[in-house]
Amino acid sequence: MSGYGHGDEERTFAALPPAPGGAFTRTWWGRAWLKALEDTALDGAQLKAGRRHARAGAVGAVSVRPGRITAVVKDRDGTPYRGDVLVREFSEEEWERLLDLAVDSAGHIAALLEREMPPHLVEDAAAAGLDLLPGIGDLDAECGCDAWDHCPHTSALCYQVARLIDEDPFVLLLMRGRGERTLIDQLQTRSASRAARGGPDTDDTPDEGTPSGAGGMPGVSAEEAYAAEFLLPPLPAPPVASDAPGRPASLDTETEPEPGIDPAALEFLASDAAARAHRMLVDALGPTPLEPRLTVGQDAVRLATASPAPWIAARLAAGSGRTRAELDLATRAWRFGGAAALAVLEEEWTPDAEALTRAGARLQEAWEDDERPVLRRSGGARWTAVGAEAQLRLGEDGRWWPYLKSGARWAPAGPPDRDPATALATAFAAGATGAVG
């Protein structure tokens, strides 16, 4: 069951289907509502006629707002009548008392959020002079048929409202003057304020029978601790990432560093850490997933793409087990495609038979017969163009990478492509312009 309509202070429920046979309510609070109707109405025949109207589906959409419920009810001959039932609203002072009672036990709020009316809350409210459920004479009727007491139309409306209250006791609370969203917000605020003050009791000595934690400190029952989850205030809006990373702290302290500490290298790493932290924050706040964790060898290449001072690059090469020339090739690959491009440069893999067949078919169909270059498989997932210092490498993700011979080594010549002909053209173009050397 869901209501629609005009903000938190009014809810409109679509007409319910006919309800032939059986009881109108299944909950004790729904039965209490109908008992109030039966104790208020003076004419039992009118109640029976109203019950028949409700069972037949003669009650239209029901509007619920503070102090009043309204619906159009059709008579047996189809004549429509507007019926209203009035319920006394609580005063501000009465609502303050009820809210205090509710936050005294998190179980009360948990029950309401589960669309149940907690009997202890009703009993506590009654003890405090608040009749949460209507009693004798609390349901006043107004109808377009000009009846002075409950008529079949207002009776049918009350029977239909009993079905609504069955499903959602917040309907009853709205009649008493407060909408669901307003109530939950007020309960959250009041509960958070009470928690900040250390709870309703200022005495640190637990009452007799109160659960205690380690060291004799006051505690709460497991039921209330679990229910308190519903009283937490909403999470704050996520932060907005800055446009650029912050500037790391200066290490120029005019104090000699400890042996083995290189301030320039430390400043380089601090700047890189700030840039990565900023990028991770942007990724975390956006739809892009966070980048996977890098190995030491991959991270050394990533750091080297920032073109650090030569002596830092030499340390990165040594630390990752590469020569300077190998690190230069690795950083070139990284700029074209990150860790995936580095894997194509430094690792070999052999596709299975099915993948090799697909790759061969793709190479055949990528060119016309009179334009197709002669390609020789060079092991693994590499094909070298015969008579040209160009090579295609197939990545595990199905993309083709262009390579050119640079001295005694093969070097990345550009970004990858799904089409091997485009990737080979990229390699030829890089060779023509001397982009690899």
Protein backbone atom coordinates (compact mmCIF):
# COMPACT_ATOMS: atom_id res chain seq x y z
CA MET A 1 0.00 0.00 0.00
CA SER A 2 1.38 3.39 -0.88
CA GLY A 3 -0.08 6.86 -0.66
CA TYR A 4 0.44 9.62 -3.14
CA GLY A 5 -0.23 13.29 -3.01
CA HIS A 6 0.38 16.60 -1.54
CA GLY A 7 3.49 16.59 0.59
CA ASP A 8 3.91 15.26 4.10
CA GLU A 9 0.67 16.77 5.45
CA GLU A 10 -1.71 14.95 3.12
CA ARG A 11 -1.75 11.46 1.61
CA THR A 12 -4.23 10.12 -0.92
CA PHE A 13 -4.77 6.39 -1.29
CA ALA A 14 -6.22 4.85 -4.42
CA ALA A 15 -9.54 3.09 -4.13
CA LEU A 16 -9.14 -0.40 -2.68
CA PRO A 17 -10.62 -3.42 -4.45
CA PRO A 18 -13.77 -5.11 -3.10
CA ALA A 19 -13.29 -7.27 -0.01
CA PRO A 20 -15.92 -9.99 -0.07
CA GLY A 21 -16.07 -12.09 3.09
CA GLY A 22 -13.65 -12.30 6.00
CA ALA A 23 -12.66 -9.76 8.64
CA PHE A 24 -11.90 -6.20 7.62
CA THR A 25 -8.83 -5.97 9.81
CA ARG A 26 -6.02 -8.28 10.85
CA THR A 27 -4.23 -6.13 13.48
CA TRP A 28 -5.22 -5.12 16.96
CA TRP A 29 -4.94 -1.42 16.13
CA GLY A 30 -7.21 -1.84 13.10
CA ARG A 31 -9.77 -3.54 15.32
CA ALA A 32 -9.44 -0.71 17.85
CA TRP A 33 -10.31 1.77 15.09
CA LEU A 34 -13.46 -0.17 14.16
CA LYS A 35 -14.44 -0.55 17.81
CA ALA A 36 -14.29 3.26 18.14
CA LEU A 37 -16.63 3.49 15.14
CA GLU A 38 -19.03 0.87 16.54
CA ASP A 39 -19.05 2.50 19.98
CA THR A 40 -19.70 5.94 18.44
CA ALA A 41 -22.45 5.16 15.92
CA LEU A 42 -25.98 5.12 17.29
CA ASP A 43 -27.60 3.08 14.54
CA GLY A 44 -26.27 -0.43 13.97
CA ALA A 45 -28.20 -0.72 10.71
CA GLN A 46 -26.19 2.17 9.27
CA LEU A 47 -22.96 0.38 10.19
CA LYS A 48 -24.08 -2.80 8.44
CA ALA A 49 -25.00 -0.84 5.31
CA GLY A 50 -21.62 0.91 5.41
CA ARG A 51 -19.80 -2.41 5.77
CA ARG A 52 -21.65 -3.73 2.70
CA HIS A 53 -20.66 -0.58 0.71
CA ALA A 54 -17.02 -1.04 1.69
CA ARG A 55 -17.02 -4.72 0.79
CA ALA A 56 -18.52 -3.93 -2.61
CA GLY A 57 -15.73 -1.44 -3.42
CA ALA A 58 -18.01 1.59 -3.35
CA VAL A 59 -15.42 3.79 -1.56
CA GLY A 60 -13.29 5.91 -3.88
CA ALA A 61 -9.81 7.32 -3.26
CA VAL A 62 -9.26 8.19 0.40
CA SER A 63 -7.59 11.47 1.38
CA VAL A 64 -5.95 11.57 4.81
CA ARG A 65 -4.79 14.81 6.42
CA PRO A 66 -4.52 16.15 9.98
CA GLY A 67 -7.89 15.93 11.69
CA ARG A 68 -9.85 14.64 8.70
CA ILE A 69 -10.31 11.76 6.26
CA THR A 70 -12.36 12.19 3.10
CA ALA A 71 -13.69 10.01 0.27
CA VAL A 72 -16.53 9.86 -2.23
CA VAL A 73 -18.80 6.87 -1.56
CA LYS A 74 -21.36 5.64 -4.06
CA ASP A 75 -24.78 4.57 -2.95
CA ARG A 76 -26.32 1.32 -4.18
CA ASP A 77 -28.01 3.25 -7.00
CA GLY A 78 -24.65 4.85 -8.01
CA THR A 79 -25.30 8.27 -6.45
CA PRO A 80 -21.99 9.70 -5.12
CA TYR A 81 -21.74 11.33 -1.70
CA ARG A 82 -18.74 13.01 -0.12
CA GLY A 83 -18.11 11.66 3.35
CA ASP A 84 -15.77 13.13 5.97
CA VAL A 85 -14.71 11.68 9.31
CA LEU A 86 -13.10 14.05 11.81
CA VAL A 87 -10.49 13.00 14.38
CA ARG A 88 -9.12 15.28 17.08
CA GLU A 89 -5.59 16.54 16.39
CA PHE A 90 -2.98 16.55 19.12
CA SER A 91 -1.75 19.89 20.38
CA GLU A 92 1.94 20.88 20.18
CA GLU A 93 2.35 20.08 23.86
CA GLU A 94 0.78 16.64 23.38
CA TRP A 95 3.08 15.88 20.45
CA GLU A 96 6.08 16.85 22.57
CA ARG A 97 5.01 14.34 25.21
CA LEU A 98 4.42 11.61 22.62
CA LEU A 99 7.81 12.16 20.99
CA ASP A 100 9.51 11.95 24.38
CA LEU A 101 7.75 8.65 25.05
CA ALA A 102 8.74 7.29 21.63
CA VAL A 103 12.47 8.01 21.96
CA ASP A 104 12.53 6.50 25.44
CA SER A 105 12.55 3.11 23.70
CA ALA A 106 14.20 2.53 20.36
CA GLY A 107 11.92 -0.50 20.03
CA HIS A 108 8.93 1.84 19.64
CA ILE A 109 10.51 3.50 16.60
CA ALA A 110 11.67 0.23 15.12
CA ALA A 111 8.10 -1.12 15.33
CA LEU A 112 6.63 1.98 13.65
CA LEU A 113 9.20 1.78 10.85
CA GLU A 114 8.12 -1.84 10.36
CA ARG A 115 4.56 -0.50 9.98
CA GLU A 116 3.42 -1.85 13.35
CA MET A 117 1.80 -0.04 16.25
CA PRO A 118 3.77 -0.95 19.39
CA PRO A 119 1.30 -1.71 22.20
CA HIS A 120 3.67 -0.40 24.88
CA LEU A 121 3.75 2.99 23.16
CA VAL A 122 -0.06 3.13 23.18
CA GLU A 123 -0.11 2.09 26.84
CA ASP A 124 2.59 4.61 27.81
CA ALA A 125 0.77 7.35 25.91
CA ALA A 126 -2.51 6.50 27.62
CA ALA A 127 -0.76 6.64 31.00
CA ALA A 128 0.47 10.12 30.05
CA GLY A 129 -3.06 11.22 29.17
CA LEU A 130 -2.75 10.74 25.38
CA ASP A 131 -5.24 8.51 23.62
CA LEU A 132 -3.36 7.58 20.48
CA LEU A 133 -6.15 5.34 19.21
CA PRO A 134 -9.65 6.84 18.99
CA GLY A 135 -12.20 6.00 21.62
CA ILE A 136 -15.92 6.44 22.15
CA GLY A 137 -17.18 9.61 20.46
CA ASP A 138 -13.84 10.43 18.82
CA LEU A 139 -14.99 9.86 15.22
CA ASP A 140 -17.30 12.66 14.11
CA ALA A 141 -19.11 12.28 10.80
CA GLU A 142 -20.01 14.76 8.05
CA CYS A 143 -21.71 13.62 4.85
CA GLY A 144 -23.30 15.11 1.76
CA CYS A 145 -26.42 13.03 2.41
CA ASP A 146 -27.12 15.40 5.35
CA ALA A 147 -27.21 12.62 7.96
CA TRP A 148 -26.61 13.94 11.48
CA ASP A 149 -24.88 10.76 12.66
CA HIS A 150 -22.77 8.09 11.00
CA CYS A 151 -24.50 7.08 7.79
CA PRO A 152 -23.69 4.23 5.38
CA HIS A 153 -21.25 6.51 3.54
CA THR A 154 -19.10 7.62 6.50
CA SER A 155 -19.33 4.11 7.96
CA ALA A 156 -18.05 2.66 4.68
CA LEU A 157 -15.22 5.21 4.77
CA CYS A 158 -14.26 4.13 8.31
CA TYR A 159 -14.23 0.47 7.31
CA GLN A 160 -11.98 1.29 4.37
CA VAL A 161 -9.65 3.36 6.54
CA ALA A 162 -9.33 0.39 8.90
CA ARG A 163 -7.70 -1.50 6.00
CA LEU A 164 -5.29 1.41 5.45
CA ILE A 165 -4.37 1.63 9.14
CA ASP A 166 -3.82 -2.12 9.15
CA GLU A 167 -1.01 -1.68 6.65
CA ASP A 168 0.46 1.58 7.92
CA PRO A 169 -0.12 3.04 11.42
CA PHE A 170 1.45 6.31 10.22
CA VAL A 171 -1.96 6.93 8.62
CA LEU A 172 -3.41 7.22 12.13
CA LEU A 173 -0.56 9.48 13.25
CA LEU A 174 -1.18 11.75 10.26
CA MET A 175 -4.82 12.09 11.34
CA ARG A 176 -3.52 13.14 14.75
CA GLY A 177 -1.51 15.91 13.08
CA ARG A 178 1.98 14.81 11.99
CA GLY A 179 3.14 13.25 8.70
CA GLU A 180 5.56 10.33 8.53
CA ARG A 181 8.56 12.28 7.18
CA THR A 182 8.11 15.03 9.76
CA LEU A 183 7.81 12.50 12.58
CA ILE A 184 10.91 10.54 11.54
CA ASP A 185 12.96 13.75 11.21
CA GLN A 186 11.84 14.92 14.65
CA LEU A 187 12.55 11.54 16.23
CA GLN A 188 16.01 11.41 14.66
CA THR A 189 16.81 14.92 15.90
CA ARG A 190 15.50 14.21 19.37
CA SER A 191 17.30 10.87 19.59
CA ALA A 192 20.61 12.37 18.41
CA SER A 193 20.28 15.20 20.92
CA ARG A 194 19.58 12.76 23.72
CA ALA A 195 22.54 10.60 22.70
CA ALA A 196 24.80 13.67 22.74
CA ARG A 197 23.71 14.38 26.31
CA GLY A 198 24.50 10.80 27.29
CA GLY A 199 20.95 9.47 27.28
CA PRO A 200 17.85 10.32 29.29
CA ASP A 201 19.50 9.62 32.65
CA THR A 202 22.36 11.74 33.95
CA ASP A 203 23.07 9.37 36.82
CA ASP A 204 25.98 7.07 35.93
CA THR A 205 24.68 4.38 38.27
CA PRO A 206 22.60 1.83 36.36
CA ASP A 207 19.10 1.21 37.64
CA GLU A 208 18.29 -2.18 39.10
CA GLY A 209 17.67 -4.58 36.24
CA THR A 210 19.42 -2.40 33.66
CA PRO A 211 21.89 -4.37 31.48
CA SER A 212 25.49 -3.41 32.12
CA GLY A 213 28.58 -3.67 29.99
CA ALA A 214 32.20 -4.27 30.96
CA GLY A 215 33.20 -2.54 34.16
CA GLY A 216 29.59 -2.10 35.29
CA MET A 217 28.84 0.70 32.82
CA PRO A 218 25.16 1.22 31.92
CA GLY A 219 24.00 -0.56 28.78
CA VAL A 220 20.94 -1.18 26.67
CA SER A 221 19.20 -4.31 25.53
CA ALA A 222 20.24 -5.95 22.27
CA GLU A 223 16.76 -5.18 20.87
CA GLU A 224 17.14 -1.46 21.50
CA ALA A 225 20.72 -1.38 20.22
CA TYR A 226 19.59 -3.00 16.97
CA ALA A 227 16.60 -0.72 16.65
CA ALA A 228 18.73 2.39 17.24
CA GLU A 229 20.11 1.94 13.73
CA PHE A 230 16.89 3.48 12.43
CA LEU A 231 17.43 6.62 14.51
CA LEU A 232 20.76 7.58 12.99
CA PRO A 233 20.65 10.90 11.14
CA PRO A 234 21.07 10.76 7.36
CA LEU A 235 24.59 10.64 5.97
CA PRO A 236 26.03 14.00 4.90
CA ALA A 237 26.43 14.81 1.23
CA PRO A 238 29.70 13.47 -0.23
CA PRO A 239 32.53 16.01 -0.43
CA VAL A 240 33.39 17.78 -3.67
CA ALA A 241 36.89 17.05 -4.96
CA SER A 242 39.18 20.02 -5.54
CA ASP A 243 40.30 20.86 -9.05
CA ALA A 244 43.93 19.92 -8.34
CA PRO A 245 45.94 18.15 -5.64
CA GLY A 246 47.26 20.16 -2.75
CA ARG A 247 50.87 21.17 -2.41
CA PRO A 248 52.93 18.86 -0.17
CA ALA A 249 54.68 20.30 2.86
CA SER A 250 58.10 21.81 2.26
CA LEU A 251 61.06 19.77 3.47
CA ASP A 252 63.40 22.75 3.51
CA THR A 253 63.95 22.82 7.27
CA GLU A 254 67.59 23.93 7.19
CA THR A 255 68.36 20.74 9.10
CA GLU A 256 70.66 18.09 7.72
CA PRO A 257 68.70 14.93 6.84
CA GLU A 258 69.37 11.62 8.50
CA PRO A 259 71.84 9.34 6.66
CA GLY A 260 70.15 7.57 3.75
CA ILE A 261 67.33 10.15 3.42
CA ASP A 262 67.30 12.11 0.17
CA PRO A 263 65.02 15.19 0.55
CA ALA A 264 64.70 15.70 -3.21
CA ALA A 265 63.57 12.11 -3.76
CA LEU A 266 61.18 12.40 -0.82
CA GLU A 267 59.68 15.60 -2.23
CA PHE A 268 59.19 13.85 -5.58
CA LEU A 269 57.38 10.96 -3.90
CA ALA A 270 55.27 13.33 -1.78
CA SER A 271 54.14 15.25 -4.87
CA ASP A 272 53.29 12.01 -6.62
CA ALA A 273 51.36 10.75 -3.57
CA ALA A 274 49.32 13.97 -3.50
CA ALA A 275 48.50 13.61 -7.21
CA ARG A 276 47.47 9.96 -6.79
CA ALA A 277 45.38 10.71 -3.72
CA HIS A 278 43.56 13.44 -5.65
CA ARG A 279 42.96 11.12 -8.57
CA MET A 280 41.66 8.37 -6.27
CA LEU A 281 39.29 10.85 -4.60
CA VAL A 282 37.94 11.95 -7.97
CA ASP A 283 37.51 8.29 -8.96
CA ALA A 284 35.77 7.44 -5.68
CA LEU A 285 33.29 10.31 -6.06
CA GLY A 286 32.59 9.58 -9.71
CA PRO A 287 31.33 6.68 -11.78
CA THR A 288 34.84 5.55 -12.77
CA PRO A 289 36.07 2.53 -10.76
CA LEU A 290 39.26 2.86 -8.79
CA GLU A 291 42.41 1.78 -10.60
CA PRO A 292 43.73 -1.68 -9.64
CA ARG A 293 46.68 -1.99 -7.28
CA LEU A 294 50.02 -1.77 -9.10
CA THR A 295 53.03 -4.00 -8.60
CA VAL A 296 56.37 -2.46 -7.59
CA GLY A 297 57.62 -2.79 -11.17
CA GLN A 298 54.49 -1.14 -12.62
CA ASP A 299 54.58 1.67 -10.08
CA ALA A 300 58.23 2.41 -10.86
CA VAL A 301 57.29 2.85 -14.54
CA ARG A 302 54.34 5.06 -13.60
CA LEU A 303 56.59 7.27 -11.49
CA ALA A 304 59.13 7.50 -14.32
CA THR A 305 56.48 8.86 -16.75
CA ALA A 306 56.64 12.11 -14.77
CA SER A 307 60.14 12.67 -16.28
CA PRO A 308 61.93 12.99 -12.97
CA ALA A 309 65.53 14.09 -12.64
CA PRO A 310 67.95 11.63 -14.29
CA TRP A 311 69.31 10.38 -11.00
CA ILE A 312 65.75 9.61 -9.76
CA ALA A 313 65.02 7.77 -13.02
CA ALA A 314 68.23 5.76 -12.53
CA ARG A 315 67.09 4.76 -9.03
CA LEU A 316 63.64 3.76 -10.36
CA ALA A 317 65.29 1.63 -13.07
CA ALA A 318 67.56 -0.10 -10.59
CA GLY A 319 64.78 -0.59 -8.07
CA SER A 320 62.56 -2.26 -10.68
CA GLY A 321 65.30 -4.45 -12.14
CA ARG A 322 65.50 -2.61 -15.49
CA THR A 323 68.24 -0.86 -17.37
CA ARG A 324 67.74 2.81 -18.25
CA ALA A 325 66.96 1.84 -21.85
CA GLU A 326 64.38 -0.69 -20.71
CA LEU A 327 62.81 1.88 -18.41
CA ASP A 328 62.58 4.37 -21.28
CA LEU A 329 60.73 1.80 -23.42
CA ALA A 330 58.48 0.94 -20.49
CA THR A 331 57.53 4.57 -19.87
CA ARG A 332 56.79 4.99 -23.57
CA ALA A 333 54.44 2.00 -23.42
CA TRP A 334 52.83 3.30 -20.23
CA ARG A 335 51.95 6.60 -21.87
CA PHE A 336 50.08 4.69 -24.58
CA GLY A 337 48.01 2.49 -22.29
CA GLY A 338 49.16 2.13 -18.69
CA ALA A 339 49.58 -1.31 -17.14
CA ALA A 340 47.96 -3.08 -20.13
CA ALA A 341 50.46 -1.54 -22.55
CA LEU A 342 53.36 -2.42 -20.23
CA ALA A 343 52.24 -6.05 -20.16
CA VAL A 344 52.20 -6.17 -23.99
CA LEU A 345 55.76 -4.80 -24.04
CA GLU A 346 57.34 -6.96 -21.36
CA GLU A 347 55.27 -10.15 -21.21
CA GLU A 348 54.46 -12.80 -23.76
CA TRP A 349 51.29 -14.84 -23.80
CA THR A 350 50.03 -17.51 -26.17
CA PRO A 351 46.37 -17.44 -27.15
CA ASP A 352 44.52 -20.74 -27.15
CA ALA A 353 43.70 -22.42 -30.46
CA GLU A 354 40.28 -20.81 -30.74
CA ALA A 355 41.65 -17.32 -30.05
CA LEU A 356 44.45 -17.87 -32.60
CA THR A 357 41.90 -18.89 -35.20
CA ARG A 358 39.88 -15.76 -34.54
CA ALA A 359 43.02 -13.61 -34.71
CA GLY A 360 44.04 -15.19 -38.03
CA ALA A 361 40.59 -14.60 -39.48
CA ARG A 362 40.67 -10.98 -38.33
CA LEU A 363 44.07 -10.46 -39.97
CA GLN A 364 42.77 -11.98 -43.23
CA GLU A 365 39.66 -9.82 -43.43
CA ALA A 366 41.35 -6.57 -42.40
CA TRP A 367 42.82 -5.99 -45.89
CA GLU A 368 41.79 -6.56 -49.47
CA ASP A 369 43.61 -9.47 -51.15
CA ASP A 370 45.90 -7.23 -53.20
CA GLU A 371 46.73 -4.99 -50.23
CA ARG A 372 47.26 -7.52 -47.48
CA PRO A 373 50.81 -7.38 -46.05
CA VAL A 374 52.73 -10.56 -45.49
CA LEU A 375 52.67 -11.25 -41.78
CA ARG A 376 54.77 -13.87 -40.07
CA ARG A 377 53.83 -15.07 -36.62
CA SER A 378 56.76 -14.39 -34.32
CA GLY A 379 55.65 -16.56 -31.42
CA GLY A 380 53.08 -15.95 -28.74
CA ALA A 381 50.66 -13.28 -29.91
CA ARG A 382 53.02 -11.31 -32.20
CA TRP A 383 52.99 -10.95 -35.99
CA THR A 384 55.86 -9.26 -37.85
CA ALA A 385 55.39 -7.60 -41.26
CA VAL A 386 57.81 -9.23 -43.73
CA GLY A 387 60.09 -6.65 -45.37
CA ALA A 388 59.20 -3.94 -42.87
CA GLU A 389 60.35 -3.25 -39.36
CA ALA A 390 56.79 -3.24 -38.06
CA GLN A 391 54.98 -5.63 -35.79
CA LEU A 392 51.48 -6.27 -34.44
CA ARG A 393 50.98 -7.52 -30.90
CA LEU A 394 47.64 -8.86 -29.70
CA GLY A 395 46.74 -8.00 -26.12
CA GLU A 396 44.73 -10.31 -23.90
CA ASP A 397 41.81 -7.87 -24.17
CA GLY A 398 41.63 -8.36 -27.96
CA ARG A 399 43.24 -5.06 -28.95
CA TRP A 400 46.11 -4.82 -31.46
CA TRP A 401 49.20 -2.82 -30.54
CA PRO A 402 51.56 -1.26 -33.14
CA TYR A 403 55.33 -1.79 -32.72
CA LEU A 404 58.43 -0.63 -34.63
CA LYS A 405 62.01 -1.86 -34.54
CA SER A 406 64.19 0.64 -32.67
CA GLY A 407 67.80 -0.48 -32.83
CA ALA A 408 67.90 -3.98 -31.47
CA ARG A 409 64.54 -3.67 -29.65
CA TRP A 410 60.89 -3.48 -30.53
CA ALA A 411 59.30 -0.27 -29.29
CA PRO A 412 55.63 0.76 -28.87
CA ALA A 413 54.57 2.97 -31.80
CA GLY A 414 51.15 4.17 -30.70
CA PRO A 415 47.89 3.39 -28.95
CA PRO A 416 46.00 0.12 -29.58
CA ASP A 417 43.07 -0.48 -31.90
CA ARG A 418 40.46 -3.19 -32.36
CA ASP A 419 41.32 -3.24 -36.07
CA PRO A 420 44.77 -4.75 -36.90
CA ALA A 421 44.95 -2.80 -40.18
CA THR A 422 44.58 0.50 -38.29
CA ALA A 423 47.20 -0.54 -35.75
CA LEU A 424 49.70 -1.53 -38.49
CA ALA A 425 49.05 1.76 -40.29
CA THR A 426 49.89 3.54 -37.04
CA ALA A 427 53.21 1.70 -36.89
CA PHE A 428 54.06 2.58 -40.51
CA ALA A 429 53.15 6.23 -39.91
CA ALA A 430 55.35 6.37 -36.79
CA GLY A 431 58.21 4.89 -38.79
CA ALA A 432 57.75 7.44 -41.60
CA THR A 433 57.84 10.37 -39.17
CA GLY A 434 60.68 8.96 -37.06
CA ALA A 435 58.46 9.04 -33.97
CA VAL A 436 60.27 6.00 -32.60
CA GLY A 437 63.97 6.21 -32.24
